Amino acid sequence: MTAKDAERALGTKLEPRSIVYTSDECYQTSRADKKDPGIGYVIESGKITVINVFSSDGQTPDVIDKHRFGMGGTEDDIRRAYGQVKKKLGFYDRGEPEAGTAKPQRGEDTKTSATEHVPEFWIEAESPDNKRTILFVTRAGKITSMTTGLKPMVLDPEPCL
């Protein structure tokens, strides 16, 4: 769908390209009216090629996939719905606690003294023709964000940069 077609369907404009992106050929945007802050769009050559769904400003978009699950769904839901999927450690996950979290000292109770690292995973459900993907990001077995679109852009952790 073109960006113009999307604006007509949404009944609002999309934000213009921000200065973070160097070209109108590829950039990320969202609704100009600020509704649905957890839905973003990647525009390539005037067409939407990727849609991102994530929690933003304490709001979780009410978006579901064709199998009727969305944010908060489980990895088991994904496997039941899509069968064979690819699972790997999330792009930014380094397998250790986030900066600023305390590590337990020798002899301390790890349940009370530190925040345990919960890894992030990327679960990819490819289309039969391998041209499109739904990428589910999970933590503790629950979906925290979803991205759908054309490959390879849908798998880029920082599209257009």
C-alpha atoms as a PDB file:
ATOM      1  CA  MET A   1       0.000   0.000   0.000  1.00  0.00           C
ATOM      2  CA  THR A   2       1.288   3.485  -0.732  1.00  0.00           C
ATOM      3  CA  ALA A   3       1.698   6.010   2.064  1.00  0.00           C
ATOM      4  CA  LYS A   4      -1.048   8.125   0.432  1.00  0.00           C
ATOM      5  CA  ASP A   5      -3.433   5.130   0.347  1.00  0.00           C
ATOM      6  CA  ALA A   6      -2.664   4.471   4.023  1.00  0.00           C
ATOM      7  CA  GLU A   7      -3.441   8.096   4.914  1.00  0.00           C
ATOM      8  CA  ARG A   8      -6.819   7.807   3.165  1.00  0.00           C
ATOM      9  CA  ALA A   9      -7.565   4.517   4.950  1.00  0.00           C
ATOM     10  CA  LEU A  10      -6.497   5.911   8.352  1.00  0.00           C
ATOM     11  CA  GLY A  11      -8.277   9.229   7.830  1.00  0.00           C
ATOM     12  CA  THR A  12      -5.168  11.145   8.859  1.00  0.00           C
ATOM     13  CA  LYS A  13      -1.746  12.110   7.555  1.00  0.00           C
ATOM     14  CA  LEU A  14       1.428  10.257   8.431  1.00  0.00           C
ATOM     15  CA  GLU A  15       4.271  12.184  10.041  1.00  0.00           C
ATOM     16  CA  PRO A  16       6.800  13.554   7.532  1.00  0.00           C
ATOM     17  CA  ARG A  17      10.286  12.084   7.503  1.00  0.00           C
ATOM     18  CA  SER A  18      12.285  13.170  10.548  1.00  0.00           C
ATOM     19  CA  ILE A  19      15.865  14.445  10.269  1.00  0.00           C
ATOM     20  CA  VAL A  20      17.113  11.106  11.634  1.00  0.00           C
ATOM     21  CA  TYR A  21      16.555   9.662   8.162  1.00  0.00           C
ATOM     22  CA  THR A  22      18.607  10.976   5.277  1.00  0.00           C
ATOM     23  CA  SER A  23      16.266  10.147   2.415  1.00  0.00           C
ATOM     24  CA  ASP A  24      12.579  10.071   1.529  1.00  0.00           C
ATOM     25  CA  GLU A  25      13.348   6.704  -0.084  1.00  0.00           C
ATOM     26  CA  CYS A  26      13.357   4.955   3.323  1.00  0.00           C
ATOM     27  CA  TYR A  27      12.142   6.184   6.711  1.00  0.00           C
ATOM     28  CA  GLN A  28       9.944   5.260   9.668  1.00  0.00           C
ATOM     29  CA  THR A  29       6.831   7.186  10.567  1.00  0.00           C
ATOM     30  CA  SER A  30       3.577   7.118  12.542  1.00  0.00           C
ATOM     31  CA  ARG A  31       0.196   8.830  12.521  1.00  0.00           C
ATOM     32  CA  ALA A  32       0.390  12.627  12.562  1.00  0.00           C
ATOM     33  CA  ASP A  33      -2.677  12.826  14.834  1.00  0.00           C
ATOM     34  CA  LYS A  34      -0.729  10.878  17.506  1.00  0.00           C
ATOM     35  CA  LYS A  35      -3.416   8.165  17.774  1.00  0.00           C
ATOM     36  CA  ASP A  36      -2.098   4.624  18.145  1.00  0.00           C
ATOM     37  CA  PRO A  37       1.421   5.657  19.272  1.00  0.00           C
ATOM     38  CA  GLY A  38       2.454   1.992  19.346  1.00  0.00           C
ATOM     39  CA  ILE A  39       2.039   1.469  15.610  1.00  0.00           C
ATOM     40  CA  GLY A  40       4.835   2.505  13.274  1.00  0.00           C
ATOM     41  CA  TYR A  41       5.315   2.244   9.535  1.00  0.00           C
ATOM     42  CA  VAL A  42       8.420   1.820   7.407  1.00  0.00           C
ATOM     43  CA  ILE A  43       8.065   3.651   4.097  1.00  0.00           C
ATOM     44  CA  GLU A  44      10.275   2.558   1.186  1.00  0.00           C
ATOM     45  CA  SER A  45       9.946   4.353  -2.154  1.00  0.00           C
ATOM     46  CA  GLY A  46       6.532   5.711  -1.109  1.00  0.00           C
ATOM     47  CA  LYS A  47       5.105   2.328  -0.040  1.00  0.00           C
ATOM     48  CA  ILE A  48       4.572   0.809   3.397  1.00  0.00           C
ATOM     49  CA  THR A  49       6.760  -2.275   3.574  1.00  0.00           C
ATOM     50  CA  VAL A  50       6.768  -2.918   7.336  1.00  0.00           C
ATOM     51  CA  ILE A  51       4.315  -2.298  10.184  1.00  0.00           C
ATOM     52  CA  ASN A  52       5.583  -2.346  13.783  1.00  0.00           C
ATOM     53  CA  VAL A  53       3.305  -2.904  16.805  1.00  0.00           C
ATOM     54  CA  PHE A  54       4.726  -2.162  20.270  1.00  0.00           C
ATOM     55  CA  SER A  55       3.805  -0.680  23.655  1.00  0.00           C
ATOM     56  CA  SER A  56       4.292   3.086  23.770  1.00  0.00           C
ATOM     57  CA  ASP A  57       3.535   5.691  26.414  1.00  0.00           C
ATOM     58  CA  GLY A  58       2.001   2.975  28.602  1.00  0.00           C
ATOM     59  CA  GLN A  59      -0.433   2.004  25.849  1.00  0.00           C
ATOM     60  CA  THR A  60      -0.601  -1.361  24.133  1.00  0.00           C
ATOM     61  CA  PRO A  61      -2.256  -1.312  20.713  1.00  0.00           C
ATOM     62  CA  ASP A  62      -5.265  -3.588  20.323  1.00  0.00           C
ATOM     63  CA  VAL A  63      -3.857  -5.340  17.255  1.00  0.00           C
ATOM     64  CA  ILE A  64      -4.255  -9.043  16.530  1.00  0.00           C
ATOM     65  CA  ASP A  65      -2.990 -11.284  13.753  1.00  0.00           C
ATOM     66  CA  LYS A  66      -5.102 -13.548  11.564  1.00  0.00           C
ATOM     67  CA  HIS A  67      -5.040 -16.175  14.335  1.00  0.00           C
ATOM     68  CA  ARG A  68      -6.599 -13.663  16.772  1.00  0.00           C
ATOM     69  CA  PHE A  69      -3.708 -13.167  19.165  1.00  0.00           C
ATOM     70  CA  GLY A  70      -1.460 -10.191  19.749  1.00  0.00           C
ATOM     71  CA  MET A  71       0.540  -8.493  22.461  1.00  0.00           C
ATOM     72  CA  GLY A  72       0.597 -10.690  25.557  1.00  0.00           C
ATOM     73  CA  GLY A  73       0.042 -13.843  23.499  1.00  0.00           C
ATOM     74  CA  THR A  74       2.441 -16.684  24.122  1.00  0.00           C
ATOM     75  CA  GLU A  75       5.211 -18.456  22.263  1.00  0.00           C
ATOM     76  CA  ASP A  76       3.003 -21.550  22.399  1.00  0.00           C
ATOM     77  CA  ASP A  77       0.240 -19.566  20.618  1.00  0.00           C
ATOM     78  CA  ILE A  78       2.741 -18.688  17.874  1.00  0.00           C
ATOM     79  CA  ARG A  79       3.869 -22.291  17.412  1.00  0.00           C
ATOM     80  CA  ARG A  80       0.282 -23.619  17.379  1.00  0.00           C
ATOM     81  CA  ALA A  81      -0.769 -21.012  14.828  1.00  0.00           C
ATOM     82  CA  TYR A  82       2.255 -21.004  12.527  1.00  0.00           C
ATOM     83  CA  GLY A  83       3.842 -24.415  13.044  1.00  0.00           C
ATOM     84  CA  GLN A  84       7.491 -24.291  12.032  1.00  0.00           C
ATOM     85  CA  VAL A  85       9.049 -21.006  13.189  1.00  0.00           C
ATOM     86  CA  LYS A  86      12.593 -19.719  13.668  1.00  0.00           C
ATOM     87  CA  LYS A  87      13.572 -18.635  17.188  1.00  0.00           C
ATOM     88  CA  LYS A  88      16.744 -16.803  18.101  1.00  0.00           C
ATOM     89  CA  LEU A  89      18.050 -14.487  20.784  1.00  0.00           C
ATOM     90  CA  GLY A  90      16.848 -10.914  20.177  1.00  0.00           C
ATOM     91  CA  PHE A  91      19.174  -8.609  18.256  1.00  0.00           C
ATOM     92  CA  TYR A  92      19.952  -6.341  21.227  1.00  0.00           C
ATOM     93  CA  ASP A  93      19.928  -9.053  23.911  1.00  0.00           C
ATOM     94  CA  ARG A  94      23.423  -9.719  25.194  1.00  0.00           C
ATOM     95  CA  GLY A  95      22.394 -12.400  27.683  1.00  0.00           C
ATOM     96  CA  GLU A  96      23.032 -10.303  30.762  1.00  0.00           C
ATOM     97  CA  PRO A  97      21.125  -7.884  33.012  1.00  0.00           C
ATOM     98  CA  GLU A  98      20.328  -4.451  31.639  1.00  0.00           C
ATOM     99  CA  ALA A  99      22.679  -1.622  32.582  1.00  0.00           C
ATOM    100  CA  GLY A 100      21.980  -0.304  36.059  1.00  0.00           C
ATOM    101  CA  THR A 101      20.624  -3.533  37.553  1.00  0.00           C
ATOM    102  CA  ALA A 102      22.527  -4.922  40.482  1.00  0.00           C
ATOM    103  CA  LYS A 103      24.228  -8.267  40.285  1.00  0.00           C
ATOM    104  CA  PRO A 104      23.987 -10.370  43.465  1.00  0.00           C
ATOM    105  CA  GLN A 105      27.054 -10.392  45.651  1.00  0.00           C
ATOM    106  CA  ARG A 106      28.506 -13.631  46.917  1.00  0.00           C
ATOM    107  CA  GLY A 107      26.142 -15.152  49.469  1.00  0.00           C
ATOM    108  CA  GLU A 108      23.202 -12.856  48.630  1.00  0.00           C
ATOM    109  CA  ASP A 109      19.778 -14.230  47.812  1.00  0.00           C
ATOM    110  CA  THR A 110      19.412 -13.791  44.060  1.00  0.00           C
ATOM    111  CA  LYS A 111      15.609 -13.642  44.336  1.00  0.00           C
ATOM    112  CA  THR A 112      15.662 -10.500  46.454  1.00  0.00           C
ATOM    113  CA  SER A 113      18.905  -8.708  45.675  1.00  0.00           C
ATOM    114  CA  ALA A 114      18.932  -8.446  41.904  1.00  0.00           C
ATOM    115  CA  THR A 115      16.728  -8.346  38.869  1.00  0.00           C
ATOM    116  CA  GLU A 116      17.233 -11.592  36.998  1.00  0.00           C
ATOM    117  CA  HIS A 117      17.899 -11.242  33.299  1.00  0.00           C
ATOM    118  CA  VAL A 118      14.956 -12.326  31.148  1.00  0.00           C
ATOM    119  CA  PRO A 119      16.157 -12.899  27.587  1.00  0.00           C
ATOM    120  CA  GLU A 120      14.415 -11.430  24.583  1.00  0.00           C
ATOM    121  CA  PHE A 121      13.731 -13.705  21.642  1.00  0.00           C
ATOM    122  CA  TRP A 122      12.796 -13.116  18.010  1.00  0.00           C
ATOM    123  CA  ILE A 123      10.351 -15.653  16.634  1.00  0.00           C
ATOM    124  CA  GLU A 124       9.956 -15.494  12.875  1.00  0.00           C
ATOM    125  CA  ALA A 125       6.924 -16.930  11.085  1.00  0.00           C
ATOM    126  CA  GLU A 126       7.619 -16.792   7.345  1.00  0.00           C
ATOM    127  CA  SER A 127       5.037 -16.711   4.592  1.00  0.00           C
ATOM    128  CA  PRO A 128       4.939 -19.781   2.316  1.00  0.00           C
ATOM    129  CA  ASP A 129       6.711 -17.828  -0.455  1.00  0.00           C
ATOM    130  CA  ASN A 130       9.401 -16.587   2.016  1.00  0.00           C
ATOM    131  CA  LYS A 131       8.873 -12.973   0.901  1.00  0.00           C
ATOM    132  CA  ARG A 132       7.032 -11.805   4.020  1.00  0.00           C
ATOM    133  CA  THR A 133       7.475 -12.426   7.723  1.00  0.00           C
ATOM    134  CA  ILE A 134       5.753 -11.796  11.003  1.00  0.00           C
ATOM    135  CA  LEU A 135       8.412 -11.224  13.630  1.00  0.00           C
ATOM    136  CA  PHE A 136       7.254 -11.701  17.215  1.00  0.00           C
ATOM    137  CA  VAL A 137       9.487 -10.365  19.992  1.00  0.00           C
ATOM    138  CA  THR A 138       9.008 -12.203  23.284  1.00  0.00           C
ATOM    139  CA  ARG A 139      10.184 -12.027  26.879  1.00  0.00           C
ATOM    140  CA  ALA A 140       9.326 -14.675  29.458  1.00  0.00           C
ATOM    141  CA  GLY A 141       7.327 -16.500  26.786  1.00  0.00           C
ATOM    142  CA  LYS A 142       4.975 -13.541  26.095  1.00  0.00           C
ATOM    143  CA  ILE A 143       4.742 -11.368  22.981  1.00  0.00           C
ATOM    144  CA  THR A 144       6.032  -7.843  23.690  1.00  0.00           C
ATOM    145  CA  SER A 145       6.002  -6.543  20.104  1.00  0.00           C
ATOM    146  CA  MET A 146       5.179  -7.667  16.576  1.00  0.00           C
ATOM    147  CA  THR A 147       6.461  -6.615  13.190  1.00  0.00           C
ATOM    148  CA  THR A 148       5.129  -7.684   9.832  1.00  0.00           C
ATOM    149  CA  GLY A 149       6.240  -6.916   6.327  1.00  0.00           C
ATOM    150  CA  LEU A 150       8.515  -7.607   3.420  1.00  0.00           C
ATOM    151  CA  LYS A 151      11.900  -9.253   3.762  1.00  0.00           C
ATOM    152  CA  PRO A 152      14.632  -8.291   4.312  1.00  0.00           C
ATOM    153  CA  MET A 153      13.500  -4.946   5.823  1.00  0.00           C
ATOM    154  CA  VAL A 154      11.150  -6.600   8.336  1.00  0.00           C
ATOM    155  CA  LEU A 155      14.157  -8.315   9.939  1.00  0.00           C
ATOM    156  CA  ASP A 156      16.244  -5.139  10.212  1.00  0.00           C
ATOM    157  CA  PRO A 157      16.368  -4.016  13.878  1.00  0.00           C
ATOM    158  CA  GLU A 158      16.908  -0.389  12.771  1.00  0.00           C
ATOM    159  CA  PRO A 159      15.133   0.019   9.427  1.00  0.00           C
ATOM    160  CA  CYS A 160      16.383   2.708   7.060  1.00  0.00           C
ATOM    161  CA  LEU A 161      19.349   3.745   9.225  1.00  0.00           C
END
